[in-house]
């Protein structure tokens, strides 16, 4: 599956976490990989250990 075939955020296709089964948003990274993030969940940065933090860029990555 190429990058053009993978739906972007805001598409109609939904994804589920392979571990817990909850709905997830598939988000591209700077390294051209994908991560699954919980939709509509904003956690304060100081509550998340530094090695687990994500920074959202204006282009959706």
N, C-alpha and C. Protein backbone atom coordinates (compact mmCIF):
# COMPACT_ATOMS: atom_id res chain seq x y z
N UNK A 1 0.85 -1.17 0.00
CA UNK A 1 0.00 0.00 0.00
C UNK A 1 0.89 1.23 0.00
N UNK A 2 0.77 2.06 -1.00
CA UNK A 2 1.57 3.26 -1.08
C UNK A 2 0.97 4.40 -0.28
N UNK A 3 1.73 5.47 -0.14
CA UNK A 3 1.29 6.61 0.65
C UNK A 3 0.05 7.27 0.04
N UNK A 4 -0.10 7.19 -1.30
CA UNK A 4 -1.26 7.80 -1.94
C UNK A 4 -2.54 7.03 -1.65
N UNK A 5 -2.44 5.75 -1.29
CA UNK A 5 -3.61 4.92 -1.05
C UNK A 5 -4.09 4.99 0.39
N UNK A 6 -3.28 5.55 1.28
CA UNK A 6 -3.64 5.61 2.70
C UNK A 6 -4.44 6.88 2.94
N UNK A 7 -5.64 6.76 3.52
CA UNK A 7 -6.45 7.95 3.75
C UNK A 7 -5.82 8.90 4.75
N UNK A 8 -5.99 10.17 4.52
CA UNK A 8 -5.48 11.20 5.43
C UNK A 8 -6.46 11.46 6.54
N UNK A 9 -6.01 12.19 7.55
CA UNK A 9 -6.87 12.56 8.67
C UNK A 9 -8.08 13.32 8.16
N UNK A 10 -9.23 13.06 8.74
CA UNK A 10 -10.44 13.73 8.33
C UNK A 10 -11.19 12.98 7.24
N UNK A 11 -10.65 11.85 6.78
CA UNK A 11 -11.36 11.04 5.79
C UNK A 11 -12.49 10.28 6.45
N UNK A 12 -13.28 9.57 5.64
CA UNK A 12 -14.43 8.86 6.16
C UNK A 12 -14.07 7.48 6.71
N UNK A 13 -12.89 6.96 6.40
CA UNK A 13 -12.50 5.65 6.88
C UNK A 13 -12.06 5.74 8.34
N UNK A 14 -12.50 4.80 9.14
CA UNK A 14 -12.10 4.78 10.54
C UNK A 14 -11.13 3.64 10.77
N UNK A 15 -10.27 3.82 11.75
CA UNK A 15 -9.28 2.81 12.11
C UNK A 15 -9.52 2.40 13.54
N UNK A 16 -9.12 1.21 13.88
CA UNK A 16 -9.22 0.76 15.27
C UNK A 16 -7.85 0.30 15.74
N UNK A 17 -7.60 0.49 17.01
CA UNK A 17 -6.34 0.06 17.61
C UNK A 17 -6.29 -1.47 17.59
N UNK A 18 -5.17 -2.05 17.12
CA UNK A 18 -5.08 -3.51 17.08
C UNK A 18 -4.99 -4.14 18.48
N UNK A 19 -4.69 -3.35 19.48
CA UNK A 19 -4.53 -3.88 20.84
C UNK A 19 -5.80 -3.73 21.67
N UNK A 20 -6.47 -2.56 21.61
CA UNK A 20 -7.63 -2.32 22.48
C UNK A 20 -8.95 -2.25 21.72
N UNK A 21 -8.91 -2.08 20.39
CA UNK A 21 -10.13 -2.03 19.60
C UNK A 21 -10.84 -0.68 19.59
N UNK A 22 -10.28 0.34 20.23
CA UNK A 22 -10.90 1.68 20.26
C UNK A 22 -10.67 2.40 18.93
N UNK A 23 -11.57 3.32 18.56
CA UNK A 23 -11.37 4.09 17.32
C UNK A 23 -10.12 4.97 17.42
N UNK A 24 -9.42 5.13 16.30
CA UNK A 24 -8.17 5.88 16.26
C UNK A 24 -8.11 6.72 15.00
N UNK A 25 -7.34 7.81 15.07
CA UNK A 25 -6.99 8.60 13.89
C UNK A 25 -5.60 8.17 13.45
N UNK A 26 -5.44 7.92 12.16
CA UNK A 26 -4.12 7.58 11.61
C UNK A 26 -3.45 8.88 11.19
N UNK A 27 -2.26 9.17 11.76
CA UNK A 27 -1.58 10.44 11.56
C UNK A 27 -0.18 10.18 11.00
N UNK A 28 0.20 10.90 9.91
CA UNK A 28 1.55 10.72 9.35
C UNK A 28 2.61 11.39 10.23
N UNK A 29 3.82 10.84 10.22
CA UNK A 29 4.94 11.42 10.95
C UNK A 29 5.93 12.05 9.98
N UNK A 30 6.92 12.74 10.51
CA UNK A 30 7.95 13.35 9.65
C UNK A 30 8.78 12.30 8.93
N UNK A 31 8.86 11.09 9.49
CA UNK A 31 9.66 10.01 8.91
C UNK A 31 8.86 9.18 7.91
N UNK A 32 7.69 9.67 7.46
CA UNK A 32 6.82 9.00 6.51
C UNK A 32 6.23 7.69 7.06
N UNK A 33 6.12 7.58 8.38
CA UNK A 33 5.45 6.47 9.02
C UNK A 33 4.07 6.93 9.45
N UNK A 34 3.29 6.04 10.03
CA UNK A 34 1.96 6.38 10.53
C UNK A 34 1.86 5.97 11.99
N UNK A 35 1.14 6.75 12.77
CA UNK A 35 0.84 6.40 14.16
C UNK A 35 -0.66 6.51 14.35
N UNK A 36 -1.18 5.71 15.28
CA UNK A 36 -2.59 5.79 15.63
C UNK A 36 -2.72 6.58 16.92
N UNK A 37 -3.55 7.62 16.89
CA UNK A 37 -3.78 8.46 18.06
C UNK A 37 -5.27 8.48 18.37
N UNK A 38 -5.61 8.59 19.65
CA UNK A 38 -7.01 8.68 20.03
C UNK A 38 -7.59 9.99 19.53
N UNK A 39 -8.75 9.95 18.89
CA UNK A 39 -9.36 11.20 18.42
C UNK A 39 -9.90 12.03 19.58
N UNK A 40 -9.81 13.33 19.46
CA UNK A 40 -10.37 14.30 20.39
C UNK A 40 -9.83 14.14 21.82
N UNK A 41 -8.60 13.66 21.96
CA UNK A 41 -7.99 13.55 23.28
C UNK A 41 -6.77 14.47 23.30
N UNK A 42 -6.82 15.49 24.15
CA UNK A 42 -5.69 16.39 24.31
C UNK A 42 -5.18 16.24 25.74
N UNK A 43 -3.92 15.82 25.87
CA UNK A 43 -3.31 15.63 27.18
C UNK A 43 -2.26 16.72 27.37
N UNK A 44 -2.22 17.32 28.54
CA UNK A 44 -1.22 18.34 28.82
C UNK A 44 0.18 17.75 28.73
N UNK A 45 1.10 18.45 28.08
CA UNK A 45 2.43 17.92 27.81
C UNK A 45 3.18 17.53 29.07
N UNK A 46 3.02 18.28 30.16
CA UNK A 46 3.78 17.96 31.37
C UNK A 46 3.30 16.67 32.04
N UNK A 47 2.16 16.13 31.60
CA UNK A 47 1.67 14.87 32.14
C UNK A 47 2.19 13.64 31.38
N UNK A 48 2.86 13.89 30.24
CA UNK A 48 3.36 12.81 29.39
C UNK A 48 4.88 12.80 29.46
N UNK A 49 5.51 11.63 29.71
CA UNK A 49 6.97 11.57 29.72
C UNK A 49 7.54 12.05 28.37
N UNK A 50 8.68 12.70 28.41
CA UNK A 50 9.27 13.33 27.22
C UNK A 50 9.42 12.36 26.06
N UNK A 51 9.77 11.11 26.31
CA UNK A 51 10.00 10.17 25.21
C UNK A 51 8.70 9.69 24.55
N UNK A 52 7.55 10.06 25.10
CA UNK A 52 6.25 9.65 24.55
C UNK A 52 5.46 10.82 23.98
N UNK A 53 6.01 12.01 23.95
CA UNK A 53 5.29 13.19 23.47
C UNK A 53 5.30 13.27 21.96
N UNK A 54 4.19 13.81 21.41
CA UNK A 54 4.08 14.08 19.99
C UNK A 54 3.80 15.56 19.81
N UNK A 55 4.33 16.15 18.75
CA UNK A 55 4.08 17.55 18.44
C UNK A 55 3.32 17.58 17.12
N UNK A 56 2.15 18.19 17.13
CA UNK A 56 1.36 18.30 15.91
C UNK A 56 1.77 19.53 15.11
N UNK A 57 2.11 19.35 13.86
CA UNK A 57 2.49 20.45 12.97
C UNK A 57 1.26 20.97 12.23
N UNK A 58 1.38 22.16 11.66
CA UNK A 58 0.25 22.78 10.98
C UNK A 58 -0.19 22.02 9.72
N UNK A 59 0.70 21.21 9.15
CA UNK A 59 0.32 20.45 7.94
C UNK A 59 -0.28 19.07 8.27
N UNK A 60 -0.55 18.82 9.55
CA UNK A 60 -1.21 17.57 9.94
C UNK A 60 -0.27 16.47 10.38
N UNK A 61 1.05 16.69 10.24
CA UNK A 61 2.00 15.66 10.67
C UNK A 61 2.33 15.86 12.12
